Structure formats: C-alpha cells, structure tokens
N, C-alpha and C. Protein backbone atom coordinates (compact mmCIF):
# COMPACT_ATOMS: atom_id res chain seq x y z
N MET A 1 -203.25 -55.88 -206.62
CA MET A 1 -202.74 -55.74 -206.80
C MET A 1 -201.37 -54.83 -207.09
N ILE A 2 -199.60 -55.95 -207.36
CA ILE A 2 -198.55 -55.26 -206.53
C ILE A 2 -197.93 -54.62 -207.52
N ALA A 3 -197.35 -53.71 -206.78
CA ALA A 3 -196.33 -52.82 -207.73
C ALA A 3 -194.78 -52.41 -206.87
N GLY A 4 -193.86 -52.01 -206.92
CA GLY A 4 -193.09 -52.70 -206.67
C GLY A 4 -191.04 -52.96 -207.30
N SER A 5 -190.02 -51.69 -206.94
CA SER A 5 -188.89 -52.20 -207.87
C SER A 5 -189.33 -54.10 -208.15
N SER A 6 -187.69 -54.26 -209.03
CA SER A 6 -187.69 -55.49 -209.10
C SER A 6 -187.08 -56.43 -207.97
N HIS A 7 -187.98 -57.48 -207.58
CA HIS A 7 -186.85 -58.82 -206.56
C HIS A 7 -186.79 -57.86 -205.27
N ALA A 8 -187.87 -56.49 -205.10
CA ALA A 8 -188.86 -56.48 -204.14
C ALA A 8 -189.24 -56.92 -202.94
N GLY A 9 -190.12 -58.07 -204.21
CA GLY A 9 -191.31 -59.24 -203.60
C GLY A 9 -192.54 -59.16 -204.00
N LYS A 10 -192.91 -58.99 -204.29
CA LYS A 10 -194.01 -58.60 -205.64
C LYS A 10 -194.47 -60.16 -205.58
N SER A 11 -193.73 -61.24 -206.45
CA SER A 11 -194.20 -62.25 -206.48
C SER A 11 -194.26 -63.00 -205.73
N SER A 12 -193.24 -62.97 -204.63
CA SER A 12 -193.14 -63.89 -203.03
C SER A 12 -194.97 -63.35 -202.43
N ILE A 13 -195.64 -62.59 -202.40
CA ILE A 13 -196.97 -62.21 -201.90
C ILE A 13 -198.01 -62.22 -202.78
N GLY A 14 -197.81 -62.58 -204.32
CA GLY A 14 -198.27 -62.43 -204.83
C GLY A 14 -199.20 -63.80 -204.81
N GLN A 15 -198.08 -64.71 -205.03
CA GLN A 15 -197.73 -66.33 -204.66
C GLN A 15 -198.23 -66.83 -203.19
N TYR A 16 -198.44 -65.82 -201.84
CA TYR A 16 -198.88 -66.22 -201.15
C TYR A 16 -200.05 -66.12 -200.91
N LEU A 17 -200.88 -64.44 -201.13
CA LEU A 17 -202.07 -64.47 -201.47
C LEU A 17 -203.41 -65.14 -202.54
N THR A 18 -202.63 -65.84 -203.48
CA THR A 18 -203.02 -66.63 -204.60
C THR A 18 -203.66 -68.36 -203.69
N LYS A 19 -202.90 -68.65 -202.95
CA LYS A 19 -202.45 -70.15 -202.42
C LYS A 19 -203.43 -69.43 -201.00
N GLU A 20 -203.32 -68.72 -200.55
CA GLU A 20 -204.15 -68.55 -199.45
C GLU A 20 -204.85 -68.30 -199.03
N HIS A 21 -205.72 -66.81 -200.66
CA HIS A 21 -207.73 -66.45 -200.01
C HIS A 21 -207.56 -67.61 -201.76
N SER A 22 -207.26 -68.59 -202.84
CA SER A 22 -207.89 -68.72 -203.61
C SER A 22 -207.85 -67.82 -204.98
N LEU A 23 -206.91 -67.27 -204.95
CA LEU A 23 -206.64 -66.17 -205.93
C LEU A 23 -206.75 -65.85 -207.25
N ALA A 24 -206.72 -65.77 -208.22
CA ALA A 24 -205.86 -65.98 -209.96
C ALA A 24 -204.95 -65.46 -210.12
N HIS A 25 -204.04 -65.57 -210.22
CA HIS A 25 -202.88 -64.52 -210.42
C HIS A 25 -202.39 -64.75 -212.12
N TYR A 26 -201.38 -63.24 -212.28
CA TYR A 26 -201.48 -63.02 -213.20
C TYR A 26 -199.81 -62.34 -213.00
N GLU A 27 -198.90 -61.60 -213.07
CA GLU A 27 -198.68 -61.35 -213.59
C GLU A 27 -197.15 -61.03 -214.57
N LEU A 28 -197.07 -59.21 -214.85
CA LEU A 28 -197.65 -59.05 -215.71
C LEU A 28 -195.83 -59.30 -216.94
N SER A 29 -195.03 -59.91 -216.38
CA SER A 29 -193.58 -60.04 -216.59
C SER A 29 -193.94 -61.91 -217.36
N ALA A 30 -195.12 -62.04 -216.87
CA ALA A 30 -194.72 -63.44 -217.79
C ALA A 30 -195.17 -62.27 -219.00
N LEU A 31 -195.93 -61.65 -219.10
CA LEU A 31 -196.98 -61.62 -220.38
C LEU A 31 -195.10 -60.91 -220.81
N VAL A 32 -194.92 -59.42 -220.46
CA VAL A 32 -194.04 -59.57 -221.48
C VAL A 32 -192.87 -60.27 -221.61
N HIS A 33 -192.84 -61.02 -220.89
CA HIS A 33 -191.24 -62.31 -221.15
C HIS A 33 -192.13 -62.94 -222.31
N LYS A 34 -193.22 -63.83 -223.05
CA LYS A 34 -194.06 -64.07 -223.52
C LYS A 34 -193.35 -63.28 -225.02
N HIS A 35 -193.98 -62.47 -224.78
CA HIS A 35 -193.78 -61.49 -226.03
C HIS A 35 -192.29 -61.51 -226.56
N TYR A 36 -191.44 -60.92 -226.04
CA TYR A 36 -190.18 -60.88 -225.70
C TYR A 36 -189.80 -61.73 -226.39
N GLU A 37 -189.31 -63.63 -226.11
CA GLU A 37 -189.78 -64.57 -226.13
C GLU A 37 -189.64 -64.67 -228.03
N ASN A 38 -191.01 -64.24 -227.88
CA ASN A 38 -191.25 -64.65 -229.87
C ASN A 38 -190.02 -63.71 -230.00
N ALA A 39 -190.49 -62.17 -229.80
CA ALA A 39 -189.60 -61.88 -230.63
C ALA A 39 -188.12 -62.53 -230.99
N ILE A 40 -187.25 -62.58 -229.78
CA ILE A 40 -186.47 -63.43 -229.86
C ILE A 40 -186.57 -64.21 -231.16
N LYS A 41 -186.81 -65.51 -230.95
CA LYS A 41 -187.17 -66.45 -231.64
C LYS A 41 -187.60 -65.94 -233.23
N ASP A 42 -188.63 -64.96 -233.75
CA ASP A 42 -188.77 -64.82 -234.72
C ASP A 42 -187.42 -64.58 -235.44
N GLY A 43 -186.82 -63.30 -234.73
CA GLY A 43 -185.81 -62.84 -235.17
C GLY A 43 -185.76 -60.99 -234.93
N THR A 44 -187.50 -61.01 -234.28
CA THR A 44 -187.52 -59.38 -235.17
C THR A 44 -187.11 -58.04 -233.31
N PHE A 45 -186.40 -59.01 -232.64
CA PHE A 45 -185.82 -57.72 -231.92
C PHE A 45 -185.12 -59.20 -230.93
N SER A 46 -183.59 -57.82 -231.45
CA SER A 46 -182.58 -59.24 -230.35
C SER A 46 -181.68 -57.84 -229.10
N GLY A 47 -182.28 -57.06 -228.57
CA GLY A 47 -181.82 -56.35 -227.38
C GLY A 47 -182.19 -57.01 -225.55
N SER A 48 -181.67 -56.49 -224.69
CA SER A 48 -182.66 -57.22 -223.62
C SER A 48 -184.55 -57.22 -223.76
N ARG A 49 -184.64 -57.51 -222.16
CA ARG A 49 -185.86 -57.27 -221.75
C ARG A 49 -186.89 -56.02 -221.97
N ASP A 50 -185.99 -55.36 -221.13
CA ASP A 50 -186.60 -53.82 -220.76
C ASP A 50 -185.52 -52.79 -222.20
N ASP A 51 -185.97 -53.35 -223.25
CA ASP A 51 -185.28 -52.81 -224.03
C ASP A 51 -186.29 -52.82 -225.46
N PHE A 52 -186.66 -54.07 -225.29
CA PHE A 52 -188.17 -55.00 -225.01
C PHE A 52 -189.74 -53.92 -225.25
N LEU A 53 -189.55 -53.97 -223.74
CA LEU A 53 -190.99 -53.72 -223.13
C LEU A 53 -190.92 -51.63 -223.35
N GLU A 54 -189.79 -51.67 -223.54
CA GLU A 54 -189.89 -49.77 -223.15
C GLU A 54 -190.43 -50.06 -225.28
N TYR A 55 -189.21 -49.40 -225.92
CA TYR A 55 -189.09 -49.60 -226.94
C TYR A 55 -190.33 -50.15 -227.71
N GLU A 56 -190.43 -51.42 -228.26
CA GLU A 56 -190.97 -52.81 -229.04
C GLU A 56 -192.91 -52.06 -228.23
N LEU A 57 -193.22 -52.40 -227.01
CA LEU A 57 -193.72 -52.49 -226.89
C LEU A 57 -194.97 -51.35 -226.34
N CYS A 58 -194.39 -50.77 -225.95
CA CYS A 58 -194.67 -49.50 -225.23
C CYS A 58 -194.25 -47.69 -226.23
N LYS A 59 -194.31 -49.07 -227.78
CA LYS A 59 -193.89 -47.58 -228.01
C LYS A 59 -194.78 -46.93 -228.10
N GLU A 60 -195.02 -46.21 -229.02
CA GLU A 60 -195.83 -44.65 -229.14
C GLU A 60 -196.34 -44.41 -228.25
N GLY A 61 -196.30 -44.54 -226.99
CA GLY A 61 -196.93 -43.48 -225.63
C GLY A 61 -198.18 -45.46 -225.41
N ASN A 62 -198.11 -46.06 -226.38
CA ASN A 62 -198.97 -47.00 -225.17
C ASN A 62 -198.20 -47.40 -223.91
N ARG A 63 -198.14 -47.02 -222.58
CA ARG A 63 -197.65 -47.64 -221.96
C ARG A 63 -198.51 -48.61 -221.56
N ASP A 64 -199.76 -49.04 -221.39
CA ASP A 64 -200.65 -49.57 -220.65
C ASP A 64 -200.89 -50.92 -221.71
N PHE A 65 -200.25 -50.89 -222.33
CA PHE A 65 -200.15 -51.79 -223.35
C PHE A 65 -200.24 -53.72 -222.97
N VAL A 66 -199.44 -54.05 -221.87
CA VAL A 66 -199.35 -55.11 -221.17
C VAL A 66 -200.64 -55.41 -220.34
N VAL A 67 -200.71 -54.12 -220.09
CA VAL A 67 -202.55 -54.53 -219.15
C VAL A 67 -203.72 -54.74 -219.82
N LYS A 68 -203.28 -53.72 -221.38
CA LYS A 68 -204.69 -53.98 -222.18
C LYS A 68 -204.56 -55.09 -222.80
N GLU A 69 -203.36 -56.07 -222.58
CA GLU A 69 -203.35 -57.53 -223.17
C GLU A 69 -203.94 -57.95 -222.18
N LEU A 70 -203.32 -58.63 -221.12
CA LEU A 70 -204.41 -59.75 -220.11
C LEU A 70 -205.56 -58.69 -219.38
N LEU A 71 -206.53 -57.32 -220.05
CA LEU A 71 -207.63 -57.81 -219.86
C LEU A 71 -208.27 -57.94 -220.81
N LYS A 72 -207.92 -58.22 -222.08
CA LYS A 72 -208.69 -59.13 -223.21
C LYS A 72 -208.58 -60.66 -223.33
N GLY A 73 -207.32 -61.36 -222.35
CA GLY A 73 -206.98 -62.40 -222.05
C GLY A 73 -208.16 -62.67 -220.74
N TYR A 74 -209.23 -61.41 -219.86
CA TYR A 74 -209.04 -61.90 -218.74
C TYR A 74 -210.49 -63.01 -218.87
N ASP A 75 -210.69 -63.94 -218.03
CA ASP A 75 -211.25 -65.34 -217.83
C ASP A 75 -212.29 -64.84 -216.59
N GLY A 76 -212.81 -63.83 -216.79
CA GLY A 76 -213.46 -63.82 -215.96
C GLY A 76 -213.79 -63.95 -214.87
N TYR A 77 -211.85 -63.92 -213.60
CA TYR A 77 -212.15 -64.71 -212.35
C TYR A 77 -212.18 -63.00 -211.08
N SER A 78 -213.32 -63.20 -210.29
CA SER A 78 -213.73 -61.47 -209.25
C SER A 78 -212.13 -61.80 -208.58
N ASN A 79 -211.51 -62.85 -208.02
CA ASN A 79 -210.47 -62.53 -207.34
C ASN A 79 -209.59 -62.65 -207.87
N ILE A 80 -208.29 -61.57 -208.16
CA ILE A 80 -207.05 -61.22 -208.97
C ILE A 80 -206.08 -60.92 -207.91
N VAL A 81 -205.14 -61.52 -208.48
CA VAL A 81 -204.03 -60.82 -207.83
C VAL A 81 -202.98 -60.28 -209.34
N ILE A 82 -202.66 -58.89 -209.08
CA ILE A 82 -201.74 -58.72 -210.64
C ILE A 82 -200.33 -57.96 -210.51
N SER A 83 -199.32 -58.77 -210.46
CA SER A 83 -197.74 -57.78 -210.23
C SER A 83 -197.17 -58.17 -211.17
N GLY A 84 -196.68 -56.67 -210.58
CA GLY A 84 -195.56 -56.11 -211.35
C GLY A 84 -195.69 -55.02 -213.23
N PRO A 85 -196.92 -54.28 -212.02
CA PRO A 85 -196.96 -53.14 -213.00
C PRO A 85 -196.08 -52.12 -213.40
N ARG A 86 -195.31 -51.40 -214.39
CA ARG A 86 -193.82 -51.08 -214.29
C ARG A 86 -194.15 -49.26 -214.40
N PHE A 87 -195.39 -49.13 -215.27
CA PHE A 87 -195.84 -47.89 -215.46
C PHE A 87 -197.22 -47.41 -214.58
N ALA A 88 -196.96 -45.88 -214.54
CA ALA A 88 -198.61 -45.66 -213.34
C ALA A 88 -199.32 -45.74 -214.40
N GLU A 89 -199.30 -45.90 -216.27
CA GLU A 89 -200.54 -45.52 -216.85
C GLU A 89 -201.02 -47.09 -216.68
N GLU A 90 -200.57 -48.40 -216.36
CA GLU A 90 -201.09 -49.82 -215.62
C GLU A 90 -201.61 -49.76 -214.86
N ILE A 91 -200.94 -48.83 -213.54
CA ILE A 91 -202.25 -48.28 -212.69
C ILE A 91 -203.39 -47.99 -212.57
N GLU A 92 -202.90 -47.20 -213.54
CA GLU A 92 -204.62 -46.41 -213.66
C GLU A 92 -205.53 -46.81 -214.67
N ALA A 93 -204.52 -47.94 -215.85
CA ALA A 93 -205.76 -48.49 -215.92
C ALA A 93 -206.84 -49.96 -215.16
N LEU A 94 -206.18 -50.45 -214.42
CA LEU A 94 -206.16 -51.16 -213.24
C LEU A 94 -207.03 -51.12 -212.17
N ILE A 95 -207.18 -49.78 -212.38
CA ILE A 95 -207.73 -49.89 -210.94
C ILE A 95 -208.96 -49.18 -211.59
N ALA A 96 -208.93 -48.36 -212.61
CA ALA A 96 -210.22 -48.26 -213.76
C ALA A 96 -211.26 -48.84 -213.64
N HIS A 97 -210.91 -50.44 -214.22
CA HIS A 97 -211.23 -51.58 -214.28
C HIS A 97 -212.51 -51.61 -213.43
N SER A 98 -213.11 -51.95 -214.10
CA SER A 98 -214.47 -52.17 -212.33
C SER A 98 -214.92 -53.62 -212.22
N ASP A 99 -214.26 -54.20 -212.64
CA ASP A 99 -214.90 -55.85 -212.65
C ASP A 99 -214.70 -55.91 -211.45
N TRP A 100 -213.10 -56.19 -210.87
CA TRP A 100 -212.47 -55.98 -209.32
C TRP A 100 -212.46 -55.60 -208.42
N ASN A 101 -212.46 -55.65 -207.36
CA ASN A 101 -211.32 -54.86 -206.02
C ASN A 101 -210.71 -54.73 -205.98
N ILE A 102 -209.86 -53.58 -205.87
CA ILE A 102 -208.91 -53.36 -206.14
C ILE A 102 -208.18 -53.36 -204.79
N LEU A 103 -206.75 -53.85 -204.21
CA LEU A 103 -206.43 -54.01 -202.88
C LEU A 103 -204.45 -54.03 -203.63
N PRO A 104 -204.65 -52.23 -203.68
CA PRO A 104 -203.48 -51.88 -204.46
C PRO A 104 -202.03 -51.65 -203.45
N LEU A 105 -200.89 -52.53 -203.48
CA LEU A 105 -199.94 -52.18 -203.14
C LEU A 105 -198.72 -52.23 -203.29
N TYR A 106 -197.38 -51.23 -202.87
CA TYR A 106 -196.21 -50.87 -203.58
C TYR A 106 -195.31 -51.61 -202.24
N ILE A 107 -194.03 -52.54 -203.03
CA ILE A 107 -193.70 -53.02 -202.12
C ILE A 107 -191.75 -52.40 -202.63
N HIS A 108 -191.27 -51.48 -201.44
CA HIS A 108 -189.98 -51.71 -201.69
C HIS A 108 -189.17 -51.90 -200.61
N SER A 109 -187.34 -52.22 -201.50
CA SER A 109 -186.59 -53.39 -200.38
C SER A 109 -185.27 -52.46 -200.71
N ASP A 110 -184.60 -52.51 -200.30
CA ASP A 110 -183.25 -51.72 -200.43
C ASP A 110 -183.02 -52.50 -201.84
N PRO A 111 -181.86 -51.60 -202.83
CA PRO A 111 -181.22 -52.17 -203.58
C PRO A 111 -180.38 -53.48 -203.75
N LYS A 112 -179.52 -53.13 -202.62
CA LYS A 112 -178.39 -54.18 -202.21
C LYS A 112 -178.94 -55.62 -201.82
N ILE A 113 -180.04 -55.24 -201.07
CA ILE A 113 -181.02 -56.74 -200.67
C ILE A 113 -181.47 -57.22 -201.97
N ARG A 114 -181.64 -56.26 -203.05
CA ARG A 114 -182.69 -57.23 -203.81
C ARG A 114 -181.82 -56.75 -204.97
N LEU A 115 -180.73 -56.40 -204.94
CA LEU A 115 -179.50 -57.58 -205.81
C LEU A 115 -179.14 -58.60 -205.70
N ASP A 116 -179.10 -59.49 -204.24
CA ASP A 116 -178.29 -60.60 -203.80
C ASP A 116 -179.44 -60.99 -204.14
N ARG A 117 -180.97 -60.58 -204.17
CA ARG A 117 -182.39 -61.85 -204.36
C ARG A 117 -182.47 -62.29 -205.94
N TYR A 118 -181.65 -61.51 -206.54
CA TYR A 118 -182.05 -61.26 -207.15
C TYR A 118 -180.59 -62.21 -207.88
N LEU A 119 -179.32 -62.67 -207.76
CA LEU A 119 -178.48 -63.05 -207.68
C LEU A 119 -178.78 -64.25 -207.56
N THR A 120 -179.42 -64.55 -205.93
CA THR A 120 -179.34 -65.65 -205.32
C THR A 120 -180.62 -66.70 -206.98
N PHE A 121 -182.16 -65.78 -206.88
CA PHE A 121 -182.67 -66.77 -208.06
C PHE A 121 -181.43 -67.25 -208.93
N LYS A 122 -181.13 -66.42 -209.84
CA LYS A 122 -180.57 -66.32 -211.20
C LYS A 122 -179.81 -67.69 -211.03
N LYS A 123 -179.06 -67.92 -209.61
CA LYS A 123 -178.37 -68.64 -209.71
C LYS A 123 -178.48 -69.80 -209.39
N GLU A 124 -180.26 -70.23 -208.58
CA GLU A 124 -180.94 -71.73 -208.83
C GLU A 124 -181.73 -71.39 -210.51
N HIS A 125 -182.06 -70.53 -211.08
CA HIS A 125 -182.91 -71.21 -211.98
C HIS A 125 -181.28 -71.04 -212.84
N SER A 126 -180.11 -70.97 -213.21
CA SER A 126 -179.57 -71.71 -214.26
C SER A 126 -178.74 -73.46 -213.96
N LEU A 127 -179.79 -73.62 -211.94
CA LEU A 127 -179.01 -74.48 -211.99
C LEU A 127 -179.86 -76.36 -212.78
N SER A 128 -181.33 -75.73 -212.44
CA SER A 128 -182.60 -76.46 -212.71
C SER A 128 -182.69 -75.65 -214.38
N SER A 129 -181.59 -75.25 -214.93
CA SER A 129 -182.91 -75.19 -216.59
C SER A 129 -181.42 -74.29 -217.34
N GLU A 130 -181.16 -74.43 -218.77
CA GLU A 130 -180.12 -73.66 -219.28
C GLU A 130 -180.23 -72.26 -219.02
N PRO A 131 -178.53 -71.97 -218.23
CA PRO A 131 -179.20 -70.34 -218.50
C PRO A 131 -179.17 -69.36 -220.09
N THR A 132 -179.90 -68.49 -220.14
CA THR A 132 -180.81 -67.98 -221.46
C THR A 132 -179.29 -66.98 -220.80
N GLU A 133 -179.27 -65.75 -220.33
CA GLU A 133 -177.78 -65.10 -219.75
C GLU A 133 -177.62 -64.57 -219.21
N SER A 134 -176.40 -64.13 -218.97
CA SER A 134 -175.54 -63.87 -217.76
C SER A 134 -176.42 -63.59 -216.41
N ILE A 135 -175.07 -64.55 -215.80
CA ILE A 135 -176.27 -64.33 -214.09
C ILE A 135 -175.56 -63.38 -213.87
N GLU A 136 -173.82 -62.77 -213.77
CA GLU A 136 -173.22 -62.09 -212.90
C GLU A 136 -173.73 -60.44 -213.53
N ILE A 137 -173.84 -59.21 -212.40
CA ILE A 137 -174.82 -57.72 -212.95
C ILE A 137 -174.27 -57.41 -211.22
N SER A 138 -173.76 -55.85 -212.04
CA SER A 138 -173.00 -55.24 -210.72
C SER A 138 -173.80 -54.84 -210.48
N PHE A 139 -173.50 -53.93 -209.16
CA PHE A 139 -174.31 -53.33 -207.98
C PHE A 139 -174.48 -52.01 -208.69
N GLU A 140 -173.91 -51.44 -209.55
CA GLU A 140 -174.15 -49.95 -210.33
C GLU A 140 -175.07 -50.08 -211.61
N GLU A 141 -175.29 -51.79 -212.26
CA GLU A 141 -176.30 -51.72 -213.41
C GLU A 141 -177.24 -52.68 -212.73
N PHE A 142 -176.64 -52.36 -211.50
CA PHE A 142 -178.11 -53.24 -211.12
C PHE A 142 -179.10 -51.56 -210.84
N LEU A 143 -178.24 -51.10 -210.55
CA LEU A 143 -179.14 -49.52 -210.81
C LEU A 143 -178.93 -48.82 -211.78
N ARG A 144 -178.54 -48.22 -212.08
CA ARG A 144 -179.13 -47.84 -213.20
C ARG A 144 -180.90 -48.60 -213.96
N ASN A 145 -180.59 -49.89 -213.69
CA ASN A 145 -181.99 -50.80 -213.83
C ASN A 145 -182.84 -50.00 -212.98
N ASP A 146 -182.20 -49.74 -212.50
CA ASP A 146 -183.31 -48.81 -211.26
C ASP A 146 -184.51 -48.05 -211.65
N MET A 147 -182.60 -47.13 -211.43
CA MET A 147 -182.87 -45.61 -212.18
C MET A 147 -184.14 -45.86 -213.19
N ARG A 148 -183.87 -46.87 -214.51
CA ARG A 148 -184.86 -46.31 -215.90
C ARG A 148 -185.75 -46.95 -215.45
N GLN A 149 -186.12 -48.09 -214.79
CA GLN A 149 -187.58 -48.51 -214.91
C GLN A 149 -188.58 -47.00 -214.13
N ALA A 150 -187.41 -46.97 -212.86
CA ALA A 150 -188.30 -45.31 -212.24
C ALA A 150 -188.89 -44.01 -213.19
N SER A 151 -188.11 -44.83 -214.20
CA SER A 151 -187.58 -43.06 -215.43
C SER A 151 -189.72 -43.34 -216.37
N TRP A 152 -189.79 -44.73 -216.29
CA TRP A 152 -190.69 -45.46 -216.10
C TRP A 152 -192.40 -44.67 -215.65
N GLY A 153 -192.49 -44.92 -214.44
CA GLY A 153 -193.53 -44.60 -214.04
C GLY A 153 -193.30 -44.49 -212.85
N LEU A 154 -192.23 -45.85 -212.21
CA LEU A 154 -192.34 -46.95 -211.30
C LEU A 154 -192.31 -45.84 -210.16
N ALA A 155 -191.57 -45.00 -210.70
CA ALA A 155 -191.16 -43.36 -209.70
C ALA A 155 -192.70 -42.99 -208.29
N LYS A 156 -192.98 -42.67 -209.59
CA LYS A 156 -194.24 -41.91 -209.12
C LYS A 156 -195.70 -42.72 -208.65
N ILE A 157 -195.76 -44.33 -209.34
CA ILE A 157 -196.65 -45.66 -208.20
C ILE A 157 -196.05 -45.51 -207.09
N ALA A 158 -194.65 -45.28 -207.17
CA ALA A 158 -194.92 -45.46 -205.41
C ALA A 158 -194.71 -44.10 -204.79
N THR A 159 -195.34 -42.83 -204.56
CA THR A 159 -196.09 -41.64 -204.51
C THR A 159 -197.80 -42.07 -204.25
N MET A 160 -198.20 -42.71 -205.15
CA MET A 160 -199.27 -42.79 -204.88
C MET A 160 -200.66 -43.58 -203.75
N THR A 161 -200.88 -41.99 -203.59
CA THR A 161 -201.70 -42.45 -202.31
C THR A 161 -202.55 -43.63 -202.03
N GLU A 162 -203.29 -44.36 -203.61
CA GLU A 162 -203.96 -45.27 -202.98
C GLU A 162 -203.56 -46.93 -202.94
N LEU A 163 -201.67 -46.49 -203.46
CA LEU A 163 -201.21 -48.21 -203.14
C LEU A 163 -200.12 -47.48 -202.05
N LYS A 164 -200.99 -48.62 -200.49
CA LYS A 164 -200.07 -49.15 -199.47
C LYS A 164 -199.00 -49.63 -199.55
N MET A 165 -198.44 -48.75 -198.93
CA MET A 165 -196.17 -49.44 -199.12
C MET A 165 -196.27 -50.70 -197.98
N PHE A 166 -195.71 -51.25 -198.70
CA PHE A 166 -194.78 -52.16 -197.52
C PHE A 166 -193.00 -52.17 -197.42
N ILE A 167 -192.65 -52.01 -196.76
CA ILE A 167 -191.08 -52.20 -196.29
C ILE A 167 -190.32 -53.78 -196.60
N ASN A 168 -189.80 -53.88 -197.20
CA ASN A 168 -189.60 -55.40 -197.38
C ASN A 168 -187.56 -55.41 -197.46
N HIS A 169 -187.44 -55.25 -195.63
CA HIS A 169 -185.96 -55.89 -195.19
C HIS A 169 -185.48 -56.59 -194.39
N ASP A 170 -186.90 -57.56 -194.39
CA ASP A 170 -187.07 -59.05 -193.42
C ASP A 170 -187.06 -59.91 -194.30
N GLY A 171 -186.66 -61.07 -193.63
CA GLY A 171 -187.19 -62.63 -194.04
C GLY A 171 -188.20 -62.69 -195.11
N LEU A 172 -188.34 -63.58 -195.82
CA LEU A 172 -189.77 -63.62 -196.45
C LEU A 172 -191.26 -63.99 -194.86
N GLY A 173 -190.09 -65.10 -194.10
CA GLY A 173 -191.78 -66.05 -193.29
C GLY A 173 -191.95 -63.71 -192.84
N ASP A 174 -191.20 -62.79 -191.95
CA ASP A 174 -191.51 -61.86 -191.07
C ASP A 174 -193.01 -60.68 -192.04
N PHE A 175 -192.11 -60.34 -193.93
CA PHE A 175 -192.59 -59.63 -195.06
C PHE A 175 -193.61 -60.53 -195.10
N LEU A 176 -194.13 -61.32 -195.02
CA LEU A 176 -195.51 -62.09 -195.20
C LEU A 176 -196.62 -61.90 -194.69
N ASN A 177 -196.58 -62.51 -192.72
CA ASN A 177 -196.19 -61.70 -191.72
C ASN A 177 -197.49 -59.99 -191.75
N LYS A 178 -196.14 -59.24 -191.76
CA LYS A 178 -197.01 -57.84 -192.77
C LYS A 178 -197.83 -57.71 -193.41
N VAL A 179 -197.66 -58.20 -194.51
CA VAL A 179 -198.69 -57.83 -195.82
C VAL A 179 -199.74 -58.54 -195.23
N LYS A 180 -199.60 -59.93 -194.74
CA LYS A 180 -201.09 -61.01 -194.75
C LYS A 180 -201.64 -60.16 -193.56
N SER A 181 -201.48 -59.57 -192.63
CA SER A 181 -202.25 -58.67 -191.63
C SER A 181 -202.81 -57.34 -192.11
N HIS A 182 -202.62 -56.69 -193.46
CA HIS A 182 -203.51 -55.94 -193.65
C HIS A 182 -204.90 -56.33 -195.13
N THR A 183 -204.31 -57.51 -195.98
CA THR A 183 -204.65 -58.12 -197.42
C THR A 183 -205.65 -58.76 -196.03
N ASP A 184 -205.42 -60.22 -195.87
CA ASP A 184 -206.43 -60.69 -194.42
C ASP A 184 -207.44 -59.90 -194.28
N SER A 185 -206.90 -58.42 -194.04
CA SER A 185 -208.89 -57.95 -193.17
C SER A 185 -209.19 -57.64 -194.30
N VAL A 186 -208.02 -56.86 -195.32
CA VAL A 186 -209.76 -55.78 -196.69
C VAL A 186 -210.06 -57.14 -197.66
N ILE A 187 -209.66 -58.69 -197.48
CA ILE A 187 -210.15 -59.45 -198.02
C ILE A 187 -211.42 -60.28 -197.77
N THR A 188 -211.10 -60.03 -196.16
CA THR A 188 -212.04 -60.73 -195.39
C THR A 188 -213.15 -59.99 -195.25
N ARG A 189 -212.98 -58.49 -195.15
CA ARG A 189 -214.41 -57.43 -195.31
C ARG A 189 -214.52 -58.03 -197.28
N TRP A 190 -213.88 -58.14 -197.81
CA TRP A 190 -214.72 -58.20 -198.84
C TRP A 190 -215.86 -59.38 -199.61
N HIS A 191 -214.85 -60.56 -198.84
CA HIS A 191 -215.82 -61.39 -198.43
C HIS A 191 -217.11 -61.14 -197.77
N PHE A 192 -217.56 -60.77 -196.72
CA PHE A 192 -218.13 -60.30 -196.24
C PHE A 192 -219.12 -59.25 -196.55
N GLN A 193 -218.96 -58.31 -196.94
CA GLN A 193 -219.70 -57.56 -198.21
C GLN A 193 -220.58 -58.38 -199.16
N GLY A 194 -220.34 -59.75 -199.54
CA GLY A 194 -220.59 -60.16 -201.15
C GLY A 194 -219.52 -60.48 -201.94
N TYR A 195 -218.12 -60.08 -201.95
CA TYR A 195 -218.17 -59.14 -203.51
C TYR A 195 -216.54 -60.79 -203.81
C-alpha cells in the first residue's frame, strides 16, 4: 500500500513493485477517475475531480468509499499493490482487511519538485491525447490542492507509524533503489514464510 502527496512517486514505485514481483496493481485514483468521468458524461457533476471525490464519493462521511469499491471488485490476488489512498479511513480499512499482507509505505517529496513532475506529466499526456483540462497551475494553487488533501487526512496518514516513510527528492533510479532495498527484503520474507 503506497500513500503520499500528488506526484510524490507512488505510481512509479507501484509500477516497479508490480513488475519486479509479479504483483497486481490497483490505483485508487483510477477508480475515482472512472466515477468522475461517468458523472461528467451523465451531466450529474460539473466540478473538479477533487471536488467530486470530497463532495460526491465521500459524502455523508463515507471516506472509505473508494476502498470499499476496490474490495467489492477484489479478484483474489494475495499479493497486490494499492496506490493512492487519500483518507486515513482508507488506510484503516486496508490494514483491517485480512486477506493479504500489508507493506504500507508513505512517499514524501518537496512540493516544488512535485509541481515540476505534475507539469511534465501533463505536457507529456497532452502530446499523446486530446487535452481535457488546462496544463498550467501556479505553485500557490498546487499548494492549496496539497493543503486540501492534507485536510482530508493525508497529514494524519503521514504520521501513522504503520507506514514506512521514504523521501523522494532524488532521481527516479535513486528513489527506486532506496525503496527497493526495503520492499525486497519484506517481500522475500513473505515468500519464505509461504505467503
């Protein structure tokens, strides 16, 4: 399970672990995006994706909705990677689920570095598909989005001792090597114990 701020490196490490250890990979943001796109197409919602997550999917305090959705469609894999929980309730629901071992990680990165990654990602995505939203975002707006997600519980998640924290200020290769030494030893231990 990999938590952290937007563009901290969650998907990068998730994709690496998936490939390296033949794990199934679930992106919670992909589930949110699926519901968001359907609501936009149906005309039942017209705001931002974060507004949709906060005010529609998680309304009435149902902050673990996305995880419950994932668990409903869970396909029986015992070794999986789940990236992108944003609410403490999601983490708690995942840790409480007894069908798999949990290797909880929290990825942190400087906001300016993450903004650069975001802009690079958006520019690359806009070249390969028709842009659906503006690429430009100010540093202040990026920080506001960060603070919004922190208020959802991302700040609490960062302080949970169950999660091993990694700082991602280096290049991708160095970051993957740091996380790899930790995750490989835990996953090898699981395989040795028959999980």
